[in-house]
């Protein structure tokens, strides 16, 4: 018998696929936290399945095994470290979820989507959210790429609805699998701008004395292009690279590239006030990625009123429009020229800063993203566009 998911009924929702909430480990975790908390505030029951492993890239992660967070129920799933961790986690989480009688299981990211077939066998409604095509990431070996691609295929073919983060991803799915999927978006809120207090004490950073790159340090983020370009720039400003050592071999390569330039600083993973101060006081924000879904750091930096310089991959240009500078992906020479021009012309930087925050916070909203996602969970026919104002037609 088909469940009643009418607009008057509160939903019982499970979310599987993130590492854990609350955390700042990545964009998926940020999205799950923002979605789940808002869904609870709207009267829905939400359970998230956190991973139980505490060893992240060889480093101890001091995880608090919470049972509840801001009204969201948390179940921590035993998860071994190593390559089979995601498979075991998503299998155990799915088995548990099958017997909880949820109205919908929301799978996040490619790997966990491999379990959609199991959930569908037991009659579960499943919605898949693909935040990026993980099988294309440089860090994975042959088996991992095959497994991730299998998850992507099942998300597209077997889920009741599949959502992706950009029009470019939507086109890719149509060309590869012959299926139409929906676009959803991350959200952002207007933040409070902070003075350079803690970052001055910790690293000697003053307002506009540095340019910033913040996020996971992995090959697809293109930081080797940035370091190579920056080394030849004429400036007294620092290049601050903030992010955890998520790929040790790549991190080591970057630090070796930067050894001869004392303007380049690696400050590790940051959170809270440190992150806010870094965004608030940077002269410029850099995102030279080869591959993205929709980068939370891009939305965050613009919400703080940063001048952004980003690679011209569609996932970036769809977000920034003409409100940021772009360069051809992987082109170090053009990146160097654009970087030097912005360093030499603070008036151009100031112009970008003057409208970045209003533009991005007017375009993307967590509340609207959640409203649209709930409609998908219910099975309503929704045709998305990454410009959320256009998708509001008939939504309320």
Protein backbone atom coordinates (compact mmCIF):
# COMPACT_ATOMS: atom_id res chain seq x y z
CA UNK A 1 0.00 0.00 0.00
CA UNK A 2 1.42 3.40 -1.00
CA UNK A 3 2.17 5.72 1.90
CA UNK A 4 0.25 8.97 2.32
CA UNK A 5 2.83 11.72 1.74
CA UNK A 6 0.33 14.52 1.26
CA UNK A 7 1.27 18.10 2.02
CA UNK A 8 -0.57 17.97 5.35
CA UNK A 9 1.44 15.06 6.71
CA UNK A 10 4.71 15.46 8.59
CA UNK A 11 7.36 13.19 7.16
CA UNK A 12 9.59 10.67 8.85
CA UNK A 13 12.94 11.13 7.12
CA UNK A 14 16.28 9.28 7.26
CA UNK A 15 19.54 10.72 5.88
CA UNK A 16 22.42 8.39 5.00
CA UNK A 17 25.75 9.22 3.39
CA UNK A 18 27.47 12.06 5.25
CA UNK A 19 30.37 11.50 7.65
CA UNK A 20 28.79 13.03 10.72
CA UNK A 21 26.99 16.11 12.01
CA UNK A 22 27.75 18.49 13.50
CA UNK A 23 31.11 18.85 11.74
CA UNK A 24 32.91 21.02 9.21
CA UNK A 25 34.50 18.16 7.27
CA UNK A 26 32.93 19.01 3.93
CA UNK A 27 30.07 20.41 1.91
CA UNK A 28 27.92 17.31 2.28
CA UNK A 29 28.11 17.52 6.07
CA UNK A 30 27.25 21.23 5.94
CA UNK A 31 24.25 20.52 3.72
CA UNK A 32 22.95 17.63 5.83
CA UNK A 33 23.14 19.73 9.00
CA UNK A 34 21.39 22.73 7.43
CA UNK A 35 18.69 20.56 5.84
CA UNK A 36 18.01 18.35 8.86
CA UNK A 37 17.74 21.16 11.40
CA UNK A 38 15.38 23.15 9.18
CA UNK A 39 13.24 20.10 8.41
CA UNK A 40 12.79 19.47 12.13
CA UNK A 41 11.81 23.12 12.63
CA UNK A 42 9.09 22.60 9.99
CA UNK A 43 7.64 19.73 12.04
CA UNK A 44 9.22 16.71 10.35
CA UNK A 45 10.97 13.85 12.12
CA UNK A 46 14.58 13.50 10.93
CA UNK A 47 17.13 10.80 11.74
CA UNK A 48 20.70 11.08 10.47
CA UNK A 49 23.08 8.14 10.35
CA UNK A 50 26.56 9.31 11.41
CA UNK A 51 29.65 7.25 10.65
CA UNK A 52 31.36 5.82 13.72
CA UNK A 53 34.97 5.75 12.53
CA UNK A 54 37.33 8.05 14.41
CA UNK A 55 40.42 7.80 12.23
CA UNK A 56 40.41 10.34 9.42
CA UNK A 57 43.36 10.07 7.02
CA UNK A 58 45.52 8.59 9.73
CA UNK A 59 44.59 11.20 12.34
CA UNK A 60 42.42 10.72 15.41
CA UNK A 61 39.05 12.42 15.14
CA UNK A 62 37.63 13.12 18.58
CA UNK A 63 34.02 12.47 17.74
CA UNK A 64 31.28 13.11 20.28
CA UNK A 65 28.76 10.30 19.91
CA UNK A 66 25.68 12.49 20.14
CA UNK A 67 22.17 11.00 20.15
CA UNK A 68 20.44 14.28 19.32
CA UNK A 69 21.38 17.61 17.79
CA UNK A 70 18.97 20.55 17.59
CA UNK A 71 16.02 18.16 17.46
CA UNK A 72 17.63 15.83 14.92
CA UNK A 73 17.92 12.21 16.02
CA UNK A 74 21.44 10.79 15.51
CA UNK A 75 22.33 7.13 15.12
CA UNK A 76 26.05 6.40 15.02
CA UNK A 77 26.83 3.41 12.81
CA UNK A 78 29.90 1.23 13.53
CA UNK A 79 32.27 2.05 10.69
CA UNK A 80 35.74 0.56 10.20
CA UNK A 81 38.56 2.74 8.95
CA UNK A 82 39.87 2.00 5.49
CA UNK A 83 38.51 1.40 2.03
CA UNK A 84 35.52 -0.76 3.01
CA UNK A 85 34.28 1.70 5.60
CA UNK A 86 31.70 3.45 3.39
CA UNK A 87 30.31 0.14 2.10
CA UNK A 88 29.87 -1.31 5.60
CA UNK A 89 28.49 1.95 7.01
CA UNK A 90 25.91 2.40 4.26
CA UNK A 91 24.86 -1.27 4.41
CA UNK A 92 24.34 -1.24 8.19
CA UNK A 93 22.58 2.13 8.09
CA UNK A 94 20.25 0.93 5.31
CA UNK A 95 19.41 -2.32 7.11
CA UNK A 96 18.55 -0.37 10.26
CA UNK A 97 16.53 2.20 8.29
CA UNK A 98 14.48 -0.47 6.49
CA UNK A 99 12.93 -1.55 9.80
CA UNK A 100 12.20 2.00 11.03
CA UNK A 101 9.32 2.63 8.58
CA UNK A 102 10.60 5.95 7.29
CA UNK A 103 8.59 7.78 4.66
CA UNK A 104 11.78 8.41 2.71
CA UNK A 105 15.49 7.60 2.89
CA UNK A 106 17.63 10.44 1.59
CA UNK A 107 20.99 9.15 0.31
CA UNK A 108 23.81 11.67 0.01
CA UNK A 109 26.91 11.15 -2.22
CA UNK A 110 27.74 8.43 -4.72
CA UNK A 111 29.19 5.67 -2.52
CA UNK A 112 26.24 5.23 -0.13
CA UNK A 113 23.84 5.23 -3.11
CA UNK A 114 25.01 1.68 -3.89
CA UNK A 115 22.53 0.59 -1.17
CA UNK A 116 19.53 2.10 -2.94
CA UNK A 117 18.83 -1.27 -4.58
CA UNK A 118 18.60 -2.94 -1.16
CA UNK A 119 16.27 -0.27 0.19
CA UNK A 120 14.05 -0.42 -2.91
CA UNK A 121 13.80 -4.22 -2.59
CA UNK A 122 12.09 -3.65 0.76
CA UNK A 123 9.74 -1.04 -0.67
CA UNK A 124 11.43 2.10 0.63
CA UNK A 125 11.03 5.44 -1.10
CA UNK A 126 14.55 6.70 -1.88
CA UNK A 127 15.84 10.11 -2.94
CA UNK A 128 19.47 10.43 -4.03
CA UNK A 129 21.47 13.66 -3.86
CA UNK A 130 24.70 13.65 -5.88
CA UNK A 131 26.97 16.50 -4.75
CA UNK A 132 29.71 15.73 -7.26
CA UNK A 133 30.79 12.86 -9.48
CA UNK A 134 33.15 11.26 -6.97
CA UNK A 135 34.27 8.60 -9.46
CA UNK A 136 36.11 11.37 -11.33
CA UNK A 137 38.24 12.41 -8.36
CA UNK A 138 41.96 11.85 -8.79
CA UNK A 139 42.54 10.23 -5.40
CA UNK A 140 40.58 7.01 -6.01
CA UNK A 141 41.95 3.70 -7.31
CA UNK A 142 40.31 1.47 -9.90
CA UNK A 143 37.97 -0.43 -7.56
CA UNK A 144 36.88 2.72 -5.74
CA UNK A 145 36.11 4.48 -9.03
CA UNK A 146 34.06 1.47 -10.18
CA UNK A 147 32.16 1.37 -6.87
CA UNK A 148 31.43 5.11 -6.93
CA UNK A 149 30.25 4.95 -10.54
CA UNK A 150 27.94 2.08 -9.59
CA UNK A 151 26.47 4.31 -6.88
CA UNK A 152 25.95 7.12 -9.38
CA UNK A 153 24.21 4.74 -11.78
CA UNK A 154 21.88 3.37 -9.10
CA UNK A 155 21.10 6.92 -7.93
CA UNK A 156 20.01 7.85 -11.45
CA UNK A 157 18.31 4.58 -12.42
CA UNK A 158 16.74 3.24 -9.21
CA UNK A 159 16.04 6.14 -6.85
CA UNK A 160 12.52 7.61 -6.88
CA UNK A 161 14.18 10.97 -7.51
CA UNK A 162 17.77 12.00 -8.14
CA UNK A 163 19.09 15.49 -7.49
CA UNK A 164 22.34 17.10 -8.69
CA UNK A 165 23.98 20.43 -7.88
CA UNK A 166 24.38 22.07 -11.27
CA UNK A 167 22.98 22.29 -14.77
CA UNK A 168 26.28 20.88 -16.04
CA UNK A 169 25.85 17.77 -13.88
CA UNK A 170 22.27 17.48 -15.13
CA UNK A 171 23.47 17.55 -18.75
CA UNK A 172 26.17 14.96 -17.97
CA UNK A 173 23.61 12.55 -16.49
CA UNK A 174 21.32 12.98 -19.49
CA UNK A 175 24.16 12.27 -21.92
CA UNK A 176 25.60 9.30 -20.00
CA UNK A 177 22.48 7.61 -18.64
CA UNK A 178 19.68 9.00 -20.78
CA UNK A 179 17.77 10.14 -17.69
CA UNK A 180 16.47 13.49 -16.51
CA UNK A 181 17.37 14.51 -12.97
CA UNK A 182 16.57 17.56 -10.85
CA UNK A 183 18.79 20.46 -9.86
CA UNK A 184 18.93 21.53 -6.25
CA UNK A 185 21.23 24.05 -4.60
CA UNK A 186 23.17 24.67 -1.45
CA UNK A 187 22.15 27.69 0.58
CA UNK A 188 23.77 30.53 2.43
CA UNK A 189 22.88 33.18 4.99
CA UNK A 190 24.31 36.68 5.43
CA UNK A 191 27.06 36.38 8.09
CA UNK A 192 28.44 38.83 10.64
CA UNK A 193 31.71 40.43 9.55
CA UNK A 194 34.44 40.07 12.19
CA UNK A 195 37.60 42.04 12.84
CA UNK A 196 41.00 40.37 12.57
CA UNK A 197 41.55 39.49 16.23
CA UNK A 198 42.26 35.77 16.60
CA UNK A 199 43.95 35.49 13.21
CA UNK A 200 46.24 38.39 14.16
CA UNK A 201 47.22 36.71 17.42
CA UNK A 202 47.62 33.28 15.85
CA UNK A 203 49.24 34.05 12.48
CA UNK A 204 49.93 37.79 12.38
CA UNK A 205 47.28 38.38 9.70
CA UNK A 206 45.77 41.84 9.26
CA UNK A 207 42.87 42.98 7.08
CA UNK A 208 43.75 42.78 3.36
CA UNK A 209 47.26 41.49 4.13
CA UNK A 210 46.60 38.06 2.59
CA UNK A 211 44.69 36.16 -0.07
CA UNK A 212 42.85 33.01 0.96
CA UNK A 213 42.10 29.50 -0.24
CA UNK A 214 40.00 27.40 2.15
CA UNK A 215 38.69 23.86 1.79
CA UNK A 216 39.73 20.23 1.43
CA UNK A 217 43.30 19.88 0.19
CA UNK A 218 42.93 17.38 -2.65
CA UNK A 219 44.25 17.29 -6.25
CA UNK A 220 40.96 18.29 -7.86
CA UNK A 221 41.02 21.56 -5.88
CA UNK A 222 43.84 22.78 -8.15
CA UNK A 223 46.01 24.32 -5.43
CA UNK A 224 49.18 23.37 -7.32
CA UNK A 225 48.10 25.80 -10.06
CA UNK A 226 47.58 28.51 -7.47
CA UNK A 227 50.95 28.05 -5.78
CA UNK A 228 52.78 28.01 -9.11
CA UNK A 229 51.01 31.19 -10.21
CA UNK A 230 51.44 33.00 -6.90
CA UNK A 231 55.18 32.34 -6.65
CA UNK A 232 55.76 34.61 -9.67
CA UNK A 233 53.46 37.41 -8.47
CA UNK A 234 54.90 40.68 -7.24
CA UNK A 235 53.19 41.29 -3.89
CA UNK A 236 53.86 41.51 -0.17
CA UNK A 237 50.57 39.82 0.61
CA UNK A 238 50.52 36.29 2.03
CA UNK A 239 48.85 33.32 0.40
CA UNK A 240 46.97 31.56 3.20
CA UNK A 241 45.94 27.95 2.49
CA UNK A 242 43.48 26.65 5.08
CA UNK A 243 42.33 23.03 5.11
CA UNK A 244 43.00 19.62 6.53
CA UNK A 245 45.54 17.13 5.19
CA UNK A 246 42.91 14.99 3.44
CA UNK A 247 45.40 13.61 0.89
CA UNK A 248 48.84 13.29 2.45
CA UNK A 249 50.78 12.76 -0.76
CA UNK A 250 49.24 15.82 -2.39
CA UNK A 251 49.64 17.92 0.76
CA UNK A 252 53.33 17.03 0.86
CA UNK A 253 53.71 18.00 -2.80
CA UNK A 254 52.16 21.40 -2.13
CA UNK A 255 54.35 22.14 0.87
CA UNK A 256 57.43 21.22 -1.15
CA UNK A 257 56.29 23.60 -3.94
CA UNK A 258 55.91 26.37 -1.36
CA UNK A 259 59.23 25.84 0.47
CA UNK A 260 61.07 28.56 -1.43
CA UNK A 261 58.40 31.23 -0.80
CA UNK A 262 57.89 32.37 2.77
CA UNK A 263 54.75 34.29 1.77
CA UNK A 264 52.83 30.99 1.50
CA UNK A 265 51.25 29.76 4.74
CA UNK A 266 49.57 26.41 5.45
CA UNK A 267 47.45 26.87 8.56
CA UNK A 268 45.56 23.55 8.71
CA UNK A 269 41.86 23.02 9.24
CA UNK A 270 39.94 25.94 10.75
CA UNK A 271 36.45 26.37 12.11
CA UNK A 272 34.20 28.78 13.95
CA UNK A 273 35.55 32.24 14.63
CA UNK A 274 38.81 31.58 12.82
CA UNK A 275 36.96 30.76 9.61
CA UNK A 276 34.74 33.83 9.94
CA UNK A 277 37.72 36.12 10.55
CA UNK A 278 39.63 34.68 7.58
CA UNK A 279 36.71 35.31 5.23
CA UNK A 280 35.97 38.73 6.73
CA UNK A 281 39.48 40.13 6.28
CA UNK A 282 40.92 38.54 3.17
CA UNK A 283 41.85 40.70 0.18
CA UNK A 284 40.69 37.97 -2.19
CA UNK A 285 39.40 34.39 -2.18
CA UNK A 286 40.72 31.75 -4.62
CA UNK A 287 39.04 28.57 -5.89
CA UNK A 288 41.14 27.06 -8.73
CA UNK A 289 39.28 23.72 -8.84
CA UNK A 290 39.27 21.17 -11.65
CA UNK A 291 36.11 19.53 -10.26
CA UNK A 292 33.28 20.71 -8.02
CA UNK A 293 29.63 20.10 -7.29
CA UNK A 294 28.58 23.40 -5.77
CA UNK A 295 31.34 24.55 -3.45
CA UNK A 296 30.08 25.75 -0.07
CA UNK A 297 33.30 27.73 0.31
CA UNK A 298 32.40 29.69 -2.82
CA UNK A 299 29.00 30.64 -1.45
CA UNK A 300 30.47 31.38 1.97
CA UNK A 301 33.26 33.60 0.65
CA UNK A 302 30.85 35.68 -1.43
CA UNK A 303 28.42 35.95 1.50
CA UNK A 304 31.25 37.63 3.45
CA UNK A 305 31.70 40.09 0.59
CA UNK A 306 34.92 38.63 -0.81
CA UNK A 307 36.35 39.29 -4.23
CA UNK A 308 36.61 35.79 -5.74
CA UNK A 309 38.90 34.46 -8.45
CA UNK A 310 37.71 31.01 -9.58
CA UNK A 311 38.30 28.47 -12.33
CA UNK A 312 35.80 28.60 -15.18
CA UNK A 313 34.25 25.17 -14.67
CA UNK A 314 30.45 25.42 -15.09
CA UNK A 315 29.82 24.50 -11.45
CA UNK A 316 31.65 27.71 -10.46
CA UNK A 317 30.44 30.04 -13.20
CA UNK A 318 26.79 29.05 -12.65
CA UNK A 319 27.17 30.34 -9.10
CA UNK A 320 29.17 33.54 -9.56
CA UNK A 321 27.76 34.87 -12.85
CA UNK A 322 29.58 38.12 -13.57
CA UNK A 323 30.16 38.85 -9.87
CA UNK A 324 33.65 37.30 -9.72
CA UNK A 325 36.79 36.93 -11.83
CA UNK A 326 37.37 33.63 -13.64
CA UNK A 327 40.27 31.96 -15.42
CA UNK A 328 40.48 28.88 -17.70
CA UNK A 329 40.76 25.73 -15.61
CA UNK A 330 44.37 24.60 -15.22
CA UNK A 331 45.86 27.58 -17.10
CA UNK A 332 48.62 28.81 -14.79
CA UNK A 333 49.68 31.68 -17.05
CA UNK A 334 46.21 33.23 -17.21
CA UNK A 335 45.72 32.63 -13.48
CA UNK A 336 49.00 34.43 -12.78
CA UNK A 337 47.96 37.38 -14.93
CA UNK A 338 44.50 37.65 -13.35
CA UNK A 339 45.97 37.34 -9.87
CA UNK A 340 48.58 40.05 -10.48
CA UNK A 341 45.99 42.37 -11.99
CA UNK A 342 43.75 42.09 -8.94
CA UNK A 343 46.71 42.53 -6.59
CA UNK A 344 47.69 45.70 -8.47
CA UNK A 345 44.16 47.15 -8.69
CA UNK A 346 42.39 47.36 -5.32
CA UNK A 347 39.61 49.41 -6.94
CA UNK A 348 38.57 46.37 -9.02
CA UNK A 349 38.65 44.21 -5.90
CA UNK A 350 36.58 46.77 -3.99
CA UNK A 351 33.97 46.81 -6.75
CA UNK A 352 33.52 43.02 -6.57
CA UNK A 353 33.37 43.20 -2.77
CA UNK A 354 30.67 45.87 -2.83
CA UNK A 355 27.95 43.62 -4.29
CA UNK A 356 29.07 40.01 -3.72
CA UNK A 357 27.18 39.43 -0.48
CA UNK A 358 23.83 40.85 -1.59
CA UNK A 359 24.06 38.96 -4.87
CA UNK A 360 24.79 35.51 -3.40
CA UNK A 361 22.46 35.70 -0.39
CA UNK A 362 19.69 36.88 -2.70
CA UNK A 363 20.24 33.94 -5.05
CA UNK A 364 20.67 30.99 -2.66
CA UNK A 365 18.63 30.17 0.44
CA UNK A 366 18.76 27.16 2.77
CA UNK A 367 15.09 27.68 3.64
CA UNK A 368 14.04 27.56 0.00
CA UNK A 369 16.33 24.59 -0.66
CA UNK A 370 14.65 22.67 2.18
CA UNK A 371 11.17 23.66 1.01
CA UNK A 372 11.94 22.30 -2.45
CA UNK A 373 13.56 19.13 -1.09
CA UNK A 374 10.51 18.33 1.06
CA UNK A 375 8.39 18.56 -2.08
CA UNK A 376 10.65 15.99 -3.74
CA UNK A 377 10.44 13.74 -0.67
CA UNK A 378 6.65 13.84 -0.98
CA UNK A 379 6.84 12.87 -4.66
CA UNK A 380 5.49 16.12 -6.06
CA UNK A 381 6.39 16.96 -9.63
CA UNK A 382 8.98 19.69 -9.38
CA UNK A 383 11.15 21.09 -12.17
CA UNK A 384 14.16 22.75 -10.62
CA UNK A 385 16.46 25.48 -11.73
CA UNK A 386 19.61 26.50 -9.90
CA UNK A 387 18.26 30.05 -9.87
CA UNK A 388 15.82 29.45 -7.04
CA UNK A 389 13.64 32.49 -7.71
CA UNK A 390 12.50 30.86 -10.97
CA UNK A 391 11.60 27.61 -9.25
CA UNK A 392 9.33 29.42 -6.78
CA UNK A 393 6.53 29.52 -9.34
CA UNK A 394 3.77 27.37 -7.88
CA UNK A 395 5.96 26.18 -5.01
CA UNK A 396 4.03 27.72 -2.15
